[in-house]
């Protein structure tokens, strides 16, 4: 557990200036369009990136610091043009250029390994109470949602229909661990 909390502490040291999703430029139609590949999302910071990734059919969020985003493995050997798309305005739409993380709520389930940065899901709260929920249980990859999504997920995860198994919830903040 200490390893994931050390990672969270490093996230709180530098503000996030954007949220980006990798994909490719599809030029086969009447006009070029960006096609997101939702199995990875990045928090952009001044000197590095936080990669949140789901491995196919895994339902676990793998979180780690990286120096730069990389092209998805699905694009290897393809002639598609790698690109990144900004989702920051959807979740950080405010008059500031960067936002500090003020709290992280996260859950562990069967298959989680916090020592390796593997958690079931996470909600990051930024300054001004802006929220980003990352759920790797989505069919197409990581579902990114805003305020209220974590509560809805948590309520569902506690029902008999939930496929996640037992859930443990944790709250981390820069000043203390609860």
N, C-alpha and C. Protein backbone atom coordinates (compact mmCIF):
# COMPACT_ATOMS: atom_id res chain seq x y z
N UNK A 1 0.82 -1.18 0.00
CA UNK A 1 0.00 0.00 0.00
C UNK A 1 0.87 1.25 0.00
N UNK A 2 2.02 1.16 0.61
CA UNK A 2 2.90 2.33 0.69
C UNK A 2 3.35 2.79 -0.70
N UNK A 3 3.53 1.85 -1.63
CA UNK A 3 4.01 2.21 -2.96
C UNK A 3 3.01 3.07 -3.71
N UNK A 4 1.73 2.69 -3.66
CA UNK A 4 0.73 3.48 -4.38
C UNK A 4 0.59 4.85 -3.73
N UNK A 5 0.70 4.91 -2.42
CA UNK A 5 0.59 6.20 -1.75
C UNK A 5 1.81 7.07 -2.01
N UNK A 6 2.98 6.47 -2.19
CA UNK A 6 4.17 7.24 -2.59
C UNK A 6 3.97 7.80 -4.00
N UNK A 7 3.36 7.01 -4.88
CA UNK A 7 3.05 7.50 -6.22
C UNK A 7 2.06 8.66 -6.15
N UNK A 8 1.03 8.52 -5.33
CA UNK A 8 0.06 9.60 -5.17
C UNK A 8 0.74 10.86 -4.62
N UNK A 9 1.65 10.69 -3.67
CA UNK A 9 2.37 11.85 -3.12
C UNK A 9 3.16 12.56 -4.21
N UNK A 10 3.76 11.80 -5.12
CA UNK A 10 4.50 12.43 -6.22
C UNK A 10 3.55 13.14 -7.18
N UNK A 11 2.33 12.64 -7.30
CA UNK A 11 1.34 13.30 -8.15
C UNK A 11 0.95 14.66 -7.59
N UNK A 12 0.93 14.76 -6.28
CA UNK A 12 0.53 16.01 -5.64
C UNK A 12 1.63 17.07 -5.69
N UNK A 13 2.85 16.67 -6.02
CA UNK A 13 3.97 17.62 -6.03
C UNK A 13 3.92 18.58 -7.20
N UNK A 14 3.37 18.17 -8.32
CA UNK A 14 3.34 19.03 -9.51
C UNK A 14 1.90 19.09 -10.03
N UNK A 15 1.45 20.26 -10.42
CA UNK A 15 0.07 20.37 -10.91
C UNK A 15 -0.13 19.72 -12.27
N UNK A 16 -1.36 19.37 -12.53
CA UNK A 16 -1.77 18.78 -13.82
C UNK A 16 -2.24 19.92 -14.71
N UNK A 17 -1.74 19.96 -15.95
CA UNK A 17 -2.16 21.03 -16.86
C UNK A 17 -3.07 20.53 -17.99
N UNK A 18 -3.20 19.21 -18.15
CA UNK A 18 -4.10 18.69 -19.18
C UNK A 18 -4.36 17.21 -18.92
N UNK A 19 -5.39 16.71 -19.55
CA UNK A 19 -5.71 15.28 -19.58
C UNK A 19 -5.75 14.93 -21.06
N UNK A 20 -4.97 13.93 -21.46
CA UNK A 20 -4.90 13.58 -22.88
C UNK A 20 -5.12 12.09 -23.09
N UNK A 21 -5.69 11.78 -24.23
CA UNK A 21 -5.96 10.40 -24.63
C UNK A 21 -5.26 10.15 -25.96
N UNK A 22 -4.51 9.04 -26.08
CA UNK A 22 -3.85 8.73 -27.35
C UNK A 22 -4.81 8.14 -28.37
N UNK A 23 -4.41 8.22 -29.61
CA UNK A 23 -5.21 7.65 -30.68
C UNK A 23 -4.48 7.81 -32.00
N UNK A 24 -5.25 7.87 -33.07
CA UNK A 24 -4.64 8.03 -34.38
C UNK A 24 -5.52 8.89 -35.27
N UNK A 25 -4.91 9.40 -36.33
CA UNK A 25 -5.63 10.21 -37.31
C UNK A 25 -6.09 9.28 -38.43
N UNK A 26 -7.40 9.19 -38.60
CA UNK A 26 -7.98 8.38 -39.67
C UNK A 26 -8.19 9.29 -40.87
N UNK A 27 -7.47 9.03 -41.94
CA UNK A 27 -7.56 9.87 -43.14
C UNK A 27 -8.31 9.17 -44.28
N UNK A 28 -9.00 8.07 -43.97
CA UNK A 28 -9.67 7.31 -45.02
C UNK A 28 -11.01 7.90 -45.45
N UNK A 29 -11.61 8.74 -44.64
CA UNK A 29 -12.92 9.29 -44.98
C UNK A 29 -12.82 10.60 -45.75
N UNK A 30 -13.92 11.31 -45.79
CA UNK A 30 -13.98 12.58 -46.50
C UNK A 30 -13.12 13.66 -45.86
N UNK A 31 -12.83 13.50 -44.57
CA UNK A 31 -11.99 14.45 -43.85
C UNK A 31 -11.24 13.69 -42.75
N UNK A 32 -10.07 14.18 -42.34
CA UNK A 32 -9.32 13.50 -41.28
C UNK A 32 -10.08 13.61 -39.95
N UNK A 33 -10.04 12.55 -39.16
CA UNK A 33 -10.67 12.60 -37.85
C UNK A 33 -9.80 11.86 -36.84
N UNK A 34 -9.84 12.33 -35.61
CA UNK A 34 -9.10 11.70 -34.53
C UNK A 34 -9.92 10.53 -33.99
N UNK A 35 -9.28 9.37 -33.84
CA UNK A 35 -9.93 8.18 -33.28
C UNK A 35 -9.23 7.85 -31.96
N UNK A 36 -9.91 8.04 -30.83
CA UNK A 36 -9.26 7.75 -29.55
C UNK A 36 -9.09 6.26 -29.32
N UNK A 37 -8.03 5.91 -28.61
CA UNK A 37 -7.80 4.53 -28.18
C UNK A 37 -7.86 4.57 -26.66
N UNK A 38 -9.01 4.23 -26.12
CA UNK A 38 -9.36 4.53 -24.74
C UNK A 38 -8.75 3.62 -23.69
N UNK A 39 -7.79 2.78 -24.05
CA UNK A 39 -7.19 1.93 -23.03
C UNK A 39 -6.09 2.64 -22.24
N UNK A 40 -5.80 3.90 -22.60
CA UNK A 40 -4.79 4.69 -21.90
C UNK A 40 -5.25 6.14 -21.83
N UNK A 41 -4.94 6.78 -20.71
CA UNK A 41 -5.16 8.22 -20.56
C UNK A 41 -3.95 8.77 -19.81
N UNK A 42 -3.63 10.02 -20.10
CA UNK A 42 -2.47 10.66 -19.47
C UNK A 42 -2.88 11.94 -18.76
N UNK A 43 -2.30 12.13 -17.56
CA UNK A 43 -2.34 13.42 -16.90
C UNK A 43 -1.05 14.11 -17.29
N UNK A 44 -1.15 15.28 -17.88
CA UNK A 44 0.02 16.01 -18.36
C UNK A 44 0.49 16.96 -17.27
N UNK A 45 1.78 16.89 -16.95
CA UNK A 45 2.40 17.81 -15.99
C UNK A 45 3.56 18.50 -16.69
N UNK A 46 4.17 19.46 -16.05
CA UNK A 46 5.24 20.22 -16.69
C UNK A 46 6.42 19.36 -17.13
N UNK A 47 6.85 18.42 -16.29
CA UNK A 47 8.06 17.67 -16.62
C UNK A 47 7.84 16.18 -16.87
N UNK A 48 6.62 15.70 -16.71
CA UNK A 48 6.36 14.29 -16.95
C UNK A 48 4.86 14.06 -17.16
N UNK A 49 4.50 12.80 -17.26
CA UNK A 49 3.11 12.41 -17.48
C UNK A 49 2.76 11.31 -16.49
N UNK A 50 1.50 11.23 -16.14
CA UNK A 50 0.99 10.12 -15.35
C UNK A 50 0.17 9.27 -16.31
N UNK A 51 0.63 8.04 -16.54
CA UNK A 51 -0.10 7.15 -17.45
C UNK A 51 -1.06 6.30 -16.63
N UNK A 52 -2.32 6.29 -17.05
CA UNK A 52 -3.33 5.40 -16.50
C UNK A 52 -3.69 4.46 -17.64
N UNK A 53 -3.51 3.17 -17.41
CA UNK A 53 -3.68 2.22 -18.50
C UNK A 53 -4.44 1.00 -18.01
N UNK A 54 -5.26 0.43 -18.88
CA UNK A 54 -5.93 -0.83 -18.59
C UNK A 54 -5.45 -1.84 -19.63
N UNK A 55 -5.07 -3.00 -19.14
CA UNK A 55 -4.72 -4.09 -20.04
C UNK A 55 -6.02 -4.78 -20.40
N UNK A 56 -6.15 -5.21 -21.63
CA UNK A 56 -7.41 -5.75 -22.13
C UNK A 56 -7.99 -6.81 -21.21
N UNK A 57 -9.27 -6.69 -20.92
CA UNK A 57 -10.04 -7.62 -20.08
C UNK A 57 -9.49 -7.73 -18.67
N UNK A 58 -8.81 -6.70 -18.20
CA UNK A 58 -8.17 -6.77 -16.89
C UNK A 58 -8.99 -6.11 -15.79
N UNK A 59 -9.73 -5.06 -16.09
CA UNK A 59 -10.53 -4.32 -15.12
C UNK A 59 -9.72 -3.73 -13.98
N UNK A 60 -8.43 -3.52 -14.19
CA UNK A 60 -7.58 -2.87 -13.20
C UNK A 60 -6.90 -1.67 -13.86
N UNK A 61 -6.74 -0.61 -13.09
CA UNK A 61 -6.10 0.61 -13.58
C UNK A 61 -4.64 0.57 -13.17
N UNK A 62 -3.75 0.59 -14.15
CA UNK A 62 -2.31 0.60 -13.89
C UNK A 62 -1.85 2.05 -13.98
N UNK A 63 -1.29 2.57 -12.89
CA UNK A 63 -0.91 3.98 -12.79
C UNK A 63 0.60 4.07 -12.61
N UNK A 64 1.25 4.90 -13.45
CA UNK A 64 2.69 5.09 -13.31
C UNK A 64 3.13 6.42 -13.92
N UNK A 65 4.26 6.92 -13.42
CA UNK A 65 4.87 8.12 -13.99
C UNK A 65 5.69 7.72 -15.20
N UNK A 66 5.60 8.51 -16.27
CA UNK A 66 6.40 8.28 -17.48
C UNK A 66 6.92 9.63 -17.97
N UNK A 67 8.00 9.60 -18.72
CA UNK A 67 8.59 10.84 -19.25
C UNK A 67 7.81 11.40 -20.43
N UNK A 68 7.21 10.52 -21.23
CA UNK A 68 6.48 10.97 -22.42
C UNK A 68 5.42 9.93 -22.77
N UNK A 69 4.36 10.35 -23.45
CA UNK A 69 3.37 9.37 -23.89
C UNK A 69 3.94 8.52 -25.01
N UNK A 70 3.43 7.33 -25.12
CA UNK A 70 3.87 6.45 -26.19
C UNK A 70 2.71 6.03 -27.07
N UNK A 71 3.02 5.69 -28.29
CA UNK A 71 1.99 5.20 -29.21
C UNK A 71 1.44 3.88 -28.68
N UNK A 72 0.14 3.68 -28.72
CA UNK A 72 -0.45 2.42 -28.28
C UNK A 72 0.11 1.23 -29.06
N UNK A 73 0.24 0.10 -28.39
CA UNK A 73 0.77 -1.12 -29.04
C UNK A 73 -0.06 -1.51 -30.25
N UNK A 74 -1.35 -1.21 -30.21
CA UNK A 74 -2.22 -1.55 -31.34
C UNK A 74 -1.82 -0.83 -32.62
N UNK A 75 -1.06 0.25 -32.51
CA UNK A 75 -0.62 0.99 -33.70
C UNK A 75 0.71 0.50 -34.25
N UNK A 76 1.39 -0.38 -33.51
CA UNK A 76 2.68 -0.89 -33.99
C UNK A 76 2.48 -1.64 -35.31
N UNK A 77 3.29 -1.31 -36.29
CA UNK A 77 3.21 -1.95 -37.59
C UNK A 77 2.10 -1.41 -38.48
N UNK A 78 1.32 -0.49 -37.97
CA UNK A 78 0.23 0.12 -38.76
C UNK A 78 0.75 1.40 -39.40
N UNK A 79 0.08 1.86 -40.42
CA UNK A 79 0.51 3.11 -41.05
C UNK A 79 -0.35 4.29 -40.60
N UNK A 80 -1.02 4.14 -39.46
CA UNK A 80 -1.83 5.22 -38.91
C UNK A 80 -0.93 6.22 -38.19
N UNK A 81 -1.30 7.48 -38.22
CA UNK A 81 -0.53 8.54 -37.59
C UNK A 81 -0.94 8.67 -36.12
N UNK A 82 0.02 8.47 -35.21
CA UNK A 82 -0.21 8.61 -33.77
C UNK A 82 -0.50 10.07 -33.43
N UNK A 83 -1.46 10.29 -32.55
CA UNK A 83 -1.79 11.65 -32.10
C UNK A 83 -2.36 11.58 -30.69
N UNK A 84 -2.35 12.72 -30.02
CA UNK A 84 -2.94 12.84 -28.69
C UNK A 84 -4.07 13.87 -28.77
N UNK A 85 -5.12 13.63 -28.01
CA UNK A 85 -6.24 14.57 -27.97
C UNK A 85 -6.42 15.07 -26.54
N UNK A 86 -6.66 16.35 -26.40
CA UNK A 86 -6.87 16.95 -25.09
C UNK A 86 -8.31 16.75 -24.63
N UNK A 87 -8.45 16.23 -23.43
CA UNK A 87 -9.76 16.12 -22.78
C UNK A 87 -9.83 17.07 -21.59
N UNK A 88 -8.80 17.88 -21.42
CA UNK A 88 -8.70 18.76 -20.26
C UNK A 88 -9.89 19.68 -20.09
N UNK A 89 -10.39 20.24 -21.18
CA UNK A 89 -11.52 21.16 -21.08
C UNK A 89 -12.78 20.47 -20.56
N UNK A 90 -12.88 19.16 -20.75
CA UNK A 90 -14.05 18.43 -20.27
C UNK A 90 -14.05 18.29 -18.76
N UNK A 91 -12.86 18.19 -18.15
CA UNK A 91 -12.77 17.92 -16.72
C UNK A 91 -12.10 19.04 -15.92
N UNK A 92 -11.29 19.85 -16.57
CA UNK A 92 -10.57 20.91 -15.88
C UNK A 92 -10.98 22.28 -16.41
N UNK A 93 -12.16 22.37 -16.97
CA UNK A 93 -12.61 23.60 -17.61
C UNK A 93 -12.78 24.74 -16.64
N UNK A 94 -11.73 25.43 -16.36
CA UNK A 94 -11.75 26.57 -15.46
C UNK A 94 -10.75 27.58 -15.98
N UNK A 95 -10.63 28.70 -15.32
CA UNK A 95 -9.77 29.78 -15.80
C UNK A 95 -8.30 29.63 -15.39
N UNK A 96 -7.88 28.47 -15.01
CA UNK A 96 -6.50 28.25 -14.58
C UNK A 96 -5.77 27.40 -15.62
N UNK A 97 -4.45 27.49 -15.62
CA UNK A 97 -3.68 26.70 -16.59
C UNK A 97 -3.19 25.39 -16.00
N UNK A 98 -3.27 25.23 -14.68
CA UNK A 98 -2.87 23.97 -14.05
C UNK A 98 -3.64 23.80 -12.74
N UNK A 99 -3.74 22.55 -12.32
CA UNK A 99 -4.55 22.21 -11.15
C UNK A 99 -3.81 21.21 -10.28
N UNK A 100 -3.74 21.49 -9.00
CA UNK A 100 -3.13 20.56 -8.05
C UNK A 100 -4.15 19.50 -7.66
N UNK A 101 -3.66 18.30 -7.43
CA UNK A 101 -4.50 17.22 -6.92
C UNK A 101 -4.65 17.42 -5.42
N UNK A 102 -5.88 17.47 -4.95
CA UNK A 102 -6.14 17.71 -3.53
C UNK A 102 -6.61 16.46 -2.79
N UNK A 103 -7.09 15.46 -3.53
CA UNK A 103 -7.55 14.22 -2.89
C UNK A 103 -7.67 13.14 -3.96
N UNK A 104 -7.41 11.90 -3.56
CA UNK A 104 -7.62 10.76 -4.44
C UNK A 104 -8.42 9.72 -3.67
N UNK A 105 -9.56 9.35 -4.24
CA UNK A 105 -10.33 8.23 -3.70
C UNK A 105 -10.11 7.07 -4.65
N UNK A 106 -9.79 5.92 -4.11
CA UNK A 106 -9.53 4.77 -4.97
C UNK A 106 -10.04 3.51 -4.33
N UNK A 107 -10.24 2.50 -5.16
CA UNK A 107 -10.76 1.22 -4.69
C UNK A 107 -9.83 0.10 -5.13
N UNK A 108 -9.80 -0.92 -4.30
CA UNK A 108 -9.06 -2.15 -4.61
C UNK A 108 -10.06 -3.29 -4.69
N UNK A 109 -9.79 -4.25 -5.54
CA UNK A 109 -10.63 -5.44 -5.66
C UNK A 109 -9.73 -6.63 -5.94
N UNK A 110 -10.33 -7.79 -6.18
CA UNK A 110 -9.53 -8.96 -6.56
C UNK A 110 -8.70 -8.59 -7.79
N UNK A 111 -7.43 -8.87 -7.76
CA UNK A 111 -6.55 -8.54 -8.88
C UNK A 111 -5.79 -7.25 -8.69
N UNK A 112 -6.17 -6.43 -7.72
CA UNK A 112 -5.43 -5.19 -7.46
C UNK A 112 -4.09 -5.52 -6.81
N UNK A 113 -3.10 -4.71 -7.11
CA UNK A 113 -1.77 -4.84 -6.50
C UNK A 113 -1.21 -3.43 -6.32
N UNK A 114 -1.55 -2.78 -5.21
CA UNK A 114 -1.12 -1.39 -5.03
C UNK A 114 0.39 -1.22 -5.03
N UNK A 115 1.14 -2.26 -4.69
CA UNK A 115 2.61 -2.15 -4.71
C UNK A 115 3.13 -2.03 -6.14
N UNK A 116 2.33 -2.46 -7.12
CA UNK A 116 2.71 -2.36 -8.53
C UNK A 116 1.93 -1.25 -9.26
N UNK A 117 1.19 -0.43 -8.50
CA UNK A 117 0.42 0.64 -9.13
C UNK A 117 -0.87 0.17 -9.77
N UNK A 118 -1.38 -1.03 -9.39
CA UNK A 118 -2.62 -1.60 -9.94
C UNK A 118 -3.74 -1.43 -8.94
N UNK A 119 -4.72 -0.63 -9.32
CA UNK A 119 -5.89 -0.40 -8.48
C UNK A 119 -7.14 -0.63 -9.32
N UNK A 120 -8.27 -0.79 -8.67
CA UNK A 120 -9.50 -1.05 -9.43
C UNK A 120 -9.97 0.19 -10.18
N UNK A 121 -9.99 1.35 -9.50
CA UNK A 121 -10.39 2.60 -10.13
C UNK A 121 -9.97 3.74 -9.23
N UNK A 122 -10.07 4.97 -9.73
CA UNK A 122 -9.67 6.13 -8.93
C UNK A 122 -10.45 7.36 -9.33
N UNK A 123 -10.71 8.19 -8.33
CA UNK A 123 -11.26 9.52 -8.57
C UNK A 123 -10.23 10.52 -8.06
N UNK A 124 -9.80 11.40 -8.95
CA UNK A 124 -8.86 12.45 -8.57
C UNK A 124 -9.65 13.74 -8.40
N UNK A 125 -9.45 14.38 -7.27
CA UNK A 125 -10.07 15.68 -7.04
C UNK A 125 -8.99 16.74 -7.17
N UNK A 126 -9.27 17.74 -7.97
CA UNK A 126 -8.34 18.84 -8.21
C UNK A 126 -8.81 20.08 -7.47
N UNK A 127 -7.98 21.10 -7.49
CA UNK A 127 -8.38 22.39 -6.93
C UNK A 127 -9.74 22.78 -7.48
N UNK A 128 -10.49 23.56 -6.71
CA UNK A 128 -11.82 24.03 -7.09
C UNK A 128 -12.82 22.88 -7.20
N UNK A 129 -12.53 21.76 -6.56
CA UNK A 129 -13.42 20.59 -6.50
C UNK A 129 -13.72 19.98 -7.86
N UNK A 130 -12.84 20.16 -8.83
CA UNK A 130 -12.99 19.50 -10.13
C UNK A 130 -12.59 18.04 -9.98
N UNK A 131 -13.32 17.14 -10.62
CA UNK A 131 -13.08 15.71 -10.42
C UNK A 131 -12.93 14.96 -11.74
N UNK A 132 -12.08 13.94 -11.67
CA UNK A 132 -11.89 13.02 -12.79
C UNK A 132 -11.96 11.61 -12.24
N UNK A 133 -12.91 10.82 -12.72
CA UNK A 133 -13.03 9.42 -12.33
C UNK A 133 -12.55 8.56 -13.48
N UNK A 134 -11.64 7.65 -13.20
CA UNK A 134 -11.09 6.74 -14.21
C UNK A 134 -11.51 5.31 -13.86
N UNK A 135 -12.34 4.73 -14.71
CA UNK A 135 -12.87 3.38 -14.51
C UNK A 135 -12.41 2.47 -15.64
N UNK A 136 -11.51 1.52 -15.36
CA UNK A 136 -11.01 0.63 -16.41
C UNK A 136 -11.96 -0.51 -16.77
N UNK A 137 -13.12 -0.57 -16.15
CA UNK A 137 -14.06 -1.66 -16.41
C UNK A 137 -14.95 -1.43 -17.61
N UNK A 138 -14.71 -0.38 -18.35
CA UNK A 138 -15.51 -0.03 -19.51
C UNK A 138 -15.10 -0.92 -20.69
N UNK A 139 -16.04 -1.32 -21.51
CA UNK A 139 -15.76 -2.24 -22.62
C UNK A 139 -14.65 -1.74 -23.54
N UNK A 140 -14.63 -0.44 -23.83
CA UNK A 140 -13.67 0.11 -24.79
C UNK A 140 -12.35 0.55 -24.16
N UNK A 141 -12.21 0.44 -22.86
CA UNK A 141 -10.98 0.87 -22.19
C UNK A 141 -11.29 1.57 -20.89
N UNK A 142 -10.76 2.78 -20.73
CA UNK A 142 -10.97 3.55 -19.51
C UNK A 142 -12.11 4.54 -19.75
N UNK A 143 -13.09 4.47 -18.88
CA UNK A 143 -14.18 5.46 -18.93
C UNK A 143 -13.75 6.63 -18.06
N UNK A 144 -13.68 7.82 -18.65
CA UNK A 144 -13.36 9.04 -17.91
C UNK A 144 -14.67 9.79 -17.67
N UNK A 145 -14.93 10.10 -16.40
CA UNK A 145 -16.16 10.81 -16.04
C UNK A 145 -15.86 11.86 -14.98
N UNK A 146 -16.83 12.70 -14.70
CA UNK A 146 -16.65 13.79 -13.76
C UNK A 146 -17.32 13.54 -12.42
N UNK A 147 -17.74 14.63 -11.79
CA UNK A 147 -18.31 14.60 -10.44
C UNK A 147 -19.51 13.66 -10.38
N UNK A 148 -19.58 12.89 -9.30
CA UNK A 148 -20.68 11.97 -9.06
C UNK A 148 -20.48 10.58 -9.61
N UNK A 149 -19.56 10.40 -10.53
CA UNK A 149 -19.35 9.08 -11.16
C UNK A 149 -18.80 8.06 -10.18
N UNK A 150 -17.88 8.48 -9.32
CA UNK A 150 -17.30 7.54 -8.35
C UNK A 150 -18.38 7.03 -7.40
N UNK A 151 -19.24 7.92 -6.94
CA UNK A 151 -20.32 7.51 -6.04
C UNK A 151 -21.25 6.51 -6.72
N UNK A 152 -21.60 6.78 -7.98
CA UNK A 152 -22.46 5.84 -8.71
C UNK A 152 -21.78 4.48 -8.86
N UNK A 153 -20.47 4.48 -9.19
CA UNK A 153 -19.73 3.24 -9.34
C UNK A 153 -19.68 2.50 -8.00
N UNK A 154 -19.41 3.23 -6.93
CA UNK A 154 -19.31 2.61 -5.60
C UNK A 154 -20.64 1.99 -5.19
N UNK A 155 -21.74 2.69 -5.44
CA UNK A 155 -23.06 2.13 -5.11
C UNK A 155 -23.31 0.85 -5.90
N UNK A 156 -22.98 0.83 -7.18
CA UNK A 156 -23.16 -0.37 -7.99
C UNK A 156 -22.24 -1.50 -7.52
N UNK A 157 -21.02 -1.16 -7.14
CA UNK A 157 -20.05 -2.20 -6.77
C UNK A 157 -20.44 -2.92 -5.48
N UNK A 158 -21.35 -2.35 -4.75
CA UNK A 158 -21.79 -2.97 -3.49
C UNK A 158 -23.07 -3.78 -3.65
N UNK A 159 -23.57 -3.92 -4.88
CA UNK A 159 -24.78 -4.69 -5.12
C UNK A 159 -24.43 -6.15 -5.43
N UNK A 160 -25.43 -7.00 -5.37
CA UNK A 160 -25.22 -8.42 -5.66
C UNK A 160 -24.82 -8.65 -7.12
N UNK A 161 -25.23 -7.74 -8.02
CA UNK A 161 -24.93 -7.89 -9.45
C UNK A 161 -23.50 -7.49 -9.80
N UNK A 162 -22.79 -6.89 -8.87
CA UNK A 162 -21.45 -6.39 -9.15
C UNK A 162 -20.49 -7.52 -9.48
N UNK A 163 -19.76 -7.41 -10.58
CA UNK A 163 -18.80 -8.45 -10.96
C UNK A 163 -17.41 -8.25 -10.34
N UNK A 164 -17.24 -7.22 -9.50
CA UNK A 164 -15.91 -6.84 -9.04
C UNK A 164 -15.40 -7.64 -7.85
N UNK A 165 -16.27 -8.37 -7.16
CA UNK A 165 -15.85 -9.03 -5.93
C UNK A 165 -15.80 -8.02 -4.81
N UNK A 166 -15.21 -8.40 -3.68
CA UNK A 166 -15.15 -7.47 -2.55
C UNK A 166 -14.35 -6.21 -2.91
N UNK A 167 -14.84 -5.08 -2.48
CA UNK A 167 -14.22 -3.79 -2.76
C UNK A 167 -13.72 -3.18 -1.45
N UNK A 168 -12.51 -2.65 -1.48
CA UNK A 168 -11.98 -1.87 -0.37
C UNK A 168 -11.78 -0.45 -0.88
N UNK A 169 -12.29 0.52 -0.14
CA UNK A 169 -12.17 1.92 -0.55
C UNK A 169 -11.15 2.63 0.32
N UNK A 170 -10.34 3.49 -0.31
CA UNK A 170 -9.32 4.26 0.41
C UNK A 170 -9.39 5.71 -0.04
N UNK A 171 -8.97 6.60 0.85
CA UNK A 171 -8.90 8.02 0.54
C UNK A 171 -7.50 8.51 0.87
N UNK A 172 -6.89 9.17 -0.10
CA UNK A 172 -5.56 9.74 0.10
C UNK A 172 -5.64 11.25 -0.11
N UNK A 173 -4.94 11.99 0.74
CA UNK A 173 -4.81 13.43 0.54
C UNK A 173 -3.36 13.82 0.79
N UNK A 174 -2.90 14.94 0.25
CA UNK A 174 -1.50 15.32 0.40
C UNK A 174 -1.04 15.47 1.84
N UNK A 175 -1.94 15.80 2.74
CA UNK A 175 -1.55 16.03 4.12
C UNK A 175 -1.63 14.79 5.00
N UNK A 176 -2.54 13.89 4.67
CA UNK A 176 -2.73 12.74 5.54
C UNK A 176 -3.30 11.58 4.75
N UNK A 177 -3.18 10.42 5.34
CA UNK A 177 -3.78 9.21 4.77
C UNK A 177 -4.91 8.80 5.70
N UNK A 178 -6.09 8.56 5.13
CA UNK A 178 -7.23 8.15 5.95
C UNK A 178 -7.45 6.67 5.81
